Amino acid sequence: MAKPATRPKRKPLKPAEQARIAEIFARFEAAESDPRTELDYASPFTLLVAVALSAQATDVSVNKATARLFQVADTPQQMLALGEAGLKPFIASIGLYNTKARNVIALSRILIEQYGGEVPLERDKLQALPGVGRKTASVVLNELRIEPAIAVDTHVFRVAHRLGLSTGKTPDQVEADLMAIVPDPLKTRAHHWLILHGRYICVARRPKCEDCPVADLCPSRHLFVGR
């Protein structure tokens, strides 16, 4: 297992802050005990492809594309047979589709040649695949409950700062902060709670503080309430 992202050692949390953080995640758990990705998938391979396609794209747009794609190619062998030229029409509505098509075909070939057509569920092997970075690997490993991981996208980054869970300036720093403070039993679900909260409640421009289950625990609420 690869070492998690690190940053300079932070000061121990005060009991009151520990309690606040625990309550935030307790409320998320009460609202949705088993959150999952909104990407549609039926196997580790289709999950890997869907997550790789989702970079700089919405889950909705990816699901529309893969609904048709996975009917034709849902294994590395079928994807490789489709080829770049055959894959592109299925994903042309998704940003960066030329690069993504090249990567998906390349990783499919590697899965066949090196792993017998199976997705290796180890971080270093996943991150060695074309187009698979730390965030993509984290989403796959976490969704499949292989490794607790908190992938930091724009939603998680925003929510972590607004809730005072991190002051990190980079996704890796925010990830390190979250992995340090989220209670261990909740780490496999924290990514989904944060991303869904940012997608539907704590949105970028006009957060829905009136609908927020943790508004009274949020140090940023005063910036938005009454505006």
Protein backbone atom coordinates (compact mmCIF):
# COMPACT_ATOMS: atom_id res chain seq x y z
CA MET A 1 0.00 0.00 0.00
CA ALA A 2 1.37 3.39 -0.96
CA LYS A 3 2.01 5.86 1.78
CA PRO A 4 -0.83 8.37 2.21
CA ALA A 5 -0.33 12.01 1.43
CA THR A 6 1.47 13.80 4.23
CA ARG A 7 1.94 17.36 5.45
CA PRO A 8 3.68 18.94 8.44
CA LYS A 9 2.47 17.50 11.73
CA ARG A 10 -0.59 19.34 12.99
CA LYS A 11 -1.33 20.23 16.58
CA PRO A 12 -3.50 17.75 18.49
CA LEU A 13 -7.18 18.64 18.30
CA LYS A 14 -8.81 20.02 21.41
CA PRO A 15 -11.58 17.87 22.89
CA ALA A 16 -14.25 20.33 21.78
CA GLU A 17 -13.00 20.21 18.20
CA GLN A 18 -12.81 16.43 18.26
CA ALA A 19 -16.41 16.36 19.43
CA ARG A 20 -17.49 18.81 16.71
CA ILE A 21 -15.87 16.73 13.97
CA ALA A 22 -17.31 13.50 15.35
CA GLU A 23 -20.77 15.07 15.40
CA ILE A 24 -20.45 16.27 11.79
CA PHE A 25 -19.77 12.77 10.54
CA ALA A 26 -22.32 11.21 12.89
CA ARG A 27 -24.98 13.39 11.28
CA PHE A 28 -23.80 12.50 7.80
CA GLU A 29 -24.02 8.83 8.77
CA ALA A 30 -27.50 9.27 10.20
CA ALA A 31 -28.67 10.82 6.94
CA GLU A 32 -27.03 8.19 4.69
CA SER A 33 -25.44 5.17 6.32
CA ASP A 34 -23.89 3.63 3.20
CA PRO A 35 -23.15 6.32 0.60
CA ARG A 36 -21.85 5.19 -2.77
CA THR A 37 -20.54 6.75 -5.93
CA GLU A 38 -23.15 8.07 -8.33
CA LEU A 39 -21.21 6.60 -11.24
CA ASP A 40 -22.85 3.52 -12.73
CA TYR A 41 -20.70 0.40 -12.77
CA ALA A 42 -21.05 -3.38 -12.53
CA SER A 43 -17.46 -4.55 -12.03
CA PRO A 44 -14.04 -3.25 -10.99
CA PHE A 45 -13.24 -2.69 -14.67
CA THR A 46 -16.34 -0.64 -15.44
CA LEU A 47 -15.79 1.31 -12.21
CA LEU A 48 -12.19 2.06 -13.19
CA VAL A 49 -13.25 3.21 -16.66
CA ALA A 50 -16.10 5.33 -15.33
CA VAL A 51 -13.88 7.05 -12.77
CA ALA A 52 -11.16 7.67 -15.37
CA LEU A 53 -13.77 9.21 -17.68
CA SER A 54 -15.16 11.40 -14.90
CA ALA A 55 -12.10 13.67 -14.66
CA GLN A 56 -13.29 17.21 -15.46
CA ALA A 57 -16.75 15.84 -16.25
CA THR A 58 -19.96 15.32 -14.30
CA ASP A 59 -21.14 11.92 -13.14
CA VAL A 60 -24.38 12.51 -15.06
CA SER A 61 -22.54 13.03 -18.34
CA VAL A 62 -20.36 9.98 -17.74
CA ASN A 63 -23.35 7.78 -16.92
CA LYS A 64 -25.09 8.83 -20.12
CA ALA A 65 -22.02 7.84 -22.12
CA THR A 66 -21.27 4.58 -20.32
CA ALA A 67 -24.89 3.42 -20.45
CA ARG A 68 -24.32 2.82 -24.16
CA LEU A 69 -20.62 2.02 -23.99
CA PHE A 70 -20.87 -0.74 -21.39
CA GLN A 71 -23.55 -2.51 -23.42
CA VAL A 72 -20.91 -2.95 -26.11
CA ALA A 73 -17.69 -3.17 -24.10
CA ASP A 74 -17.61 -3.92 -20.38
CA THR A 75 -14.42 -6.02 -20.27
CA PRO A 76 -10.83 -5.14 -21.14
CA GLN A 77 -10.98 -7.57 -24.07
CA GLN A 78 -14.10 -5.97 -25.55
CA MET A 79 -12.72 -2.47 -24.94
CA LEU A 80 -9.46 -3.29 -26.68
CA ALA A 81 -11.37 -4.79 -29.60
CA LEU A 82 -13.36 -1.57 -29.84
CA GLY A 83 -10.16 0.45 -30.16
CA GLU A 84 -9.70 4.20 -29.89
CA ALA A 85 -11.65 4.93 -33.06
CA GLY A 86 -14.54 2.81 -31.89
CA LEU A 87 -14.51 4.19 -28.35
CA LYS A 88 -14.47 7.89 -29.19
CA PRO A 89 -18.05 8.15 -30.49
CA PHE A 90 -19.35 6.78 -27.19
CA ILE A 91 -17.49 9.35 -25.08
CA ALA A 92 -17.34 12.33 -27.44
CA SER A 93 -19.73 14.26 -25.17
CA ILE A 94 -17.22 14.07 -22.31
CA GLY A 95 -14.37 16.55 -21.94
CA LEU A 96 -10.87 15.47 -23.01
CA TYR A 97 -12.35 12.45 -24.78
CA ASN A 98 -9.40 11.99 -27.15
CA THR A 99 -6.93 11.61 -24.30
CA LYS A 100 -9.36 9.52 -22.27
CA ALA A 101 -9.99 7.16 -25.19
CA ARG A 102 -6.25 6.66 -25.63
CA ASN A 103 -5.79 5.95 -21.92
CA VAL A 104 -8.74 3.56 -21.62
CA ILE A 105 -7.53 1.49 -24.56
CA ALA A 106 -3.96 1.52 -23.24
CA LEU A 107 -4.97 0.44 -19.75
CA SER A 108 -7.21 -2.27 -21.19
CA ARG A 109 -4.24 -3.67 -23.08
CA ILE A 110 -2.10 -3.65 -19.92
CA LEU A 111 -4.83 -5.38 -17.91
CA ILE A 112 -4.95 -8.16 -20.48
CA GLU A 113 -1.21 -8.52 -20.95
CA GLN A 114 -0.11 -8.16 -17.34
CA TYR A 115 -3.08 -9.06 -15.15
CA GLY A 116 -5.10 -11.64 -17.04
CA GLY A 117 -7.85 -9.16 -17.79
CA GLU A 118 -8.45 -8.34 -14.11
CA VAL A 119 -8.09 -4.96 -12.41
CA PRO A 120 -5.24 -5.07 -9.86
CA LEU A 121 -6.68 -3.75 -6.62
CA GLU A 122 -3.39 -2.43 -5.28
CA ARG A 123 -2.65 1.29 -5.27
CA ASP A 124 0.78 1.23 -6.87
CA LYS A 125 -0.38 -1.02 -9.70
CA LEU A 126 -3.50 1.04 -10.29
CA GLN A 127 -1.59 4.32 -10.37
CA ALA A 128 0.83 2.85 -12.90
CA LEU A 129 -2.01 2.46 -15.42
CA PRO A 130 -2.39 5.15 -18.12
CA GLY A 131 -4.65 7.97 -17.00
CA VAL A 132 -4.99 6.66 -13.45
CA GLY A 133 -3.67 9.08 -10.85
CA ARG A 134 -3.90 9.09 -7.08
CA LYS A 135 -7.46 10.42 -7.02
CA THR A 136 -8.81 7.84 -9.47
CA ALA A 137 -7.08 5.02 -7.61
CA SER A 138 -8.46 6.32 -4.30
CA VAL A 139 -12.02 6.39 -5.62
CA VAL A 140 -11.75 2.83 -6.95
CA LEU A 141 -10.14 1.38 -3.83
CA ASN A 142 -12.50 3.20 -1.51
CA GLU A 143 -15.67 2.40 -3.44
CA LEU A 144 -14.75 -1.29 -3.49
CA ARG A 145 -13.90 -1.12 0.23
CA ILE A 146 -10.35 -2.27 -0.46
CA GLU A 147 -8.59 0.66 1.19
CA PRO A 148 -9.97 3.61 3.19
CA ALA A 149 -9.22 6.65 1.08
CA ILE A 150 -10.54 10.18 0.75
CA ALA A 151 -10.19 11.39 -2.82
CA VAL A 152 -10.21 15.18 -2.88
CA ASP A 153 -12.03 16.77 -5.79
CA THR A 154 -13.34 20.34 -6.00
CA HIS A 155 -16.40 19.51 -3.85
CA VAL A 156 -14.44 17.80 -1.09
CA PHE A 157 -11.83 20.58 -1.16
CA ARG A 158 -14.52 23.25 -0.74
CA VAL A 159 -16.49 21.47 1.97
CA ALA A 160 -13.38 20.59 3.97
CA HIS A 161 -12.40 24.25 4.11
CA ARG A 162 -15.87 25.59 4.85
CA LEU A 163 -16.38 23.10 7.66
CA GLY A 164 -12.96 23.90 9.10
CA LEU A 165 -11.71 20.36 8.57
CA SER A 166 -8.63 21.47 6.66
CA THR A 167 -6.61 24.53 5.73
CA GLY A 168 -4.59 22.62 3.14
CA LYS A 169 -3.67 24.49 -0.01
CA THR A 170 -3.51 21.41 -2.25
CA PRO A 171 -5.70 18.31 -2.65
CA ASP A 172 -2.93 16.16 -1.17
CA GLN A 173 -2.73 18.37 1.92
CA VAL A 174 -6.49 18.32 2.37
CA GLU A 175 -6.47 14.54 1.98
CA ALA A 176 -3.80 14.22 4.67
CA ASP A 177 -5.80 16.44 7.04
CA LEU A 178 -9.00 14.49 6.50
CA MET A 179 -7.32 11.12 6.92
CA ALA A 180 -5.90 12.38 10.22
CA ILE A 181 -9.19 13.59 11.71
CA VAL A 182 -11.97 11.41 10.32
CA PRO A 183 -12.79 8.59 12.77
CA ASP A 184 -11.40 5.29 11.46
CA PRO A 185 -14.73 3.45 11.17
CA LEU A 186 -16.03 6.22 8.90
CA LYS A 187 -13.07 6.67 6.55
CA THR A 188 -14.42 4.47 3.76
CA ARG A 189 -17.57 6.61 3.63
CA ALA A 190 -16.23 10.11 4.35
CA HIS A 191 -15.31 10.77 0.72
CA HIS A 192 -18.87 10.14 -0.42
CA TRP A 193 -20.46 12.16 2.38
CA LEU A 194 -18.27 15.15 1.62
CA ILE A 195 -18.65 14.99 -2.15
CA LEU A 196 -22.43 14.58 -2.00
CA HIS A 197 -22.71 17.37 0.57
CA GLY A 198 -20.71 19.64 -1.73
CA ARG A 199 -22.65 18.60 -4.81
CA TYR A 200 -26.13 19.15 -3.40
CA ILE A 201 -25.99 21.30 -0.25
CA CYS A 202 -22.69 23.13 0.19
CA VAL A 203 -22.58 24.25 -3.43
CA ALA A 204 -20.01 26.75 -4.65
CA ARG A 205 -21.97 29.97 -5.12
CA ARG A 206 -25.04 29.84 -2.92
CA PRO A 207 -24.72 27.07 -0.34
CA LYS A 208 -28.07 25.84 0.98
CA CYS A 209 -27.33 26.51 4.63
CA GLU A 210 -31.02 26.33 5.47
CA ASP A 211 -31.00 22.67 4.39
CA CYS A 212 -27.61 21.78 5.86
CA PRO A 213 -27.66 19.12 8.59
CA VAL A 214 -24.44 20.49 10.09
CA ALA A 215 -25.05 24.23 9.72
CA ASP A 216 -24.82 24.82 13.46
CA LEU A 217 -21.38 23.16 13.44
CA CYS A 218 -20.06 25.14 10.46
CA PRO A 219 -17.61 28.00 11.13
CA SER A 220 -18.36 29.47 7.68
CA ARG A 221 -22.12 29.72 7.99
CA HIS A 222 -22.04 33.42 8.87
CA LEU A 223 -20.47 34.13 5.47
CA PHE A 224 -23.57 32.97 3.64
CA VAL A 225 -26.63 33.19 5.89
CA GLY A 226 -28.62 36.34 5.22
CA ARG A 227 -26.88 37.14 1.95
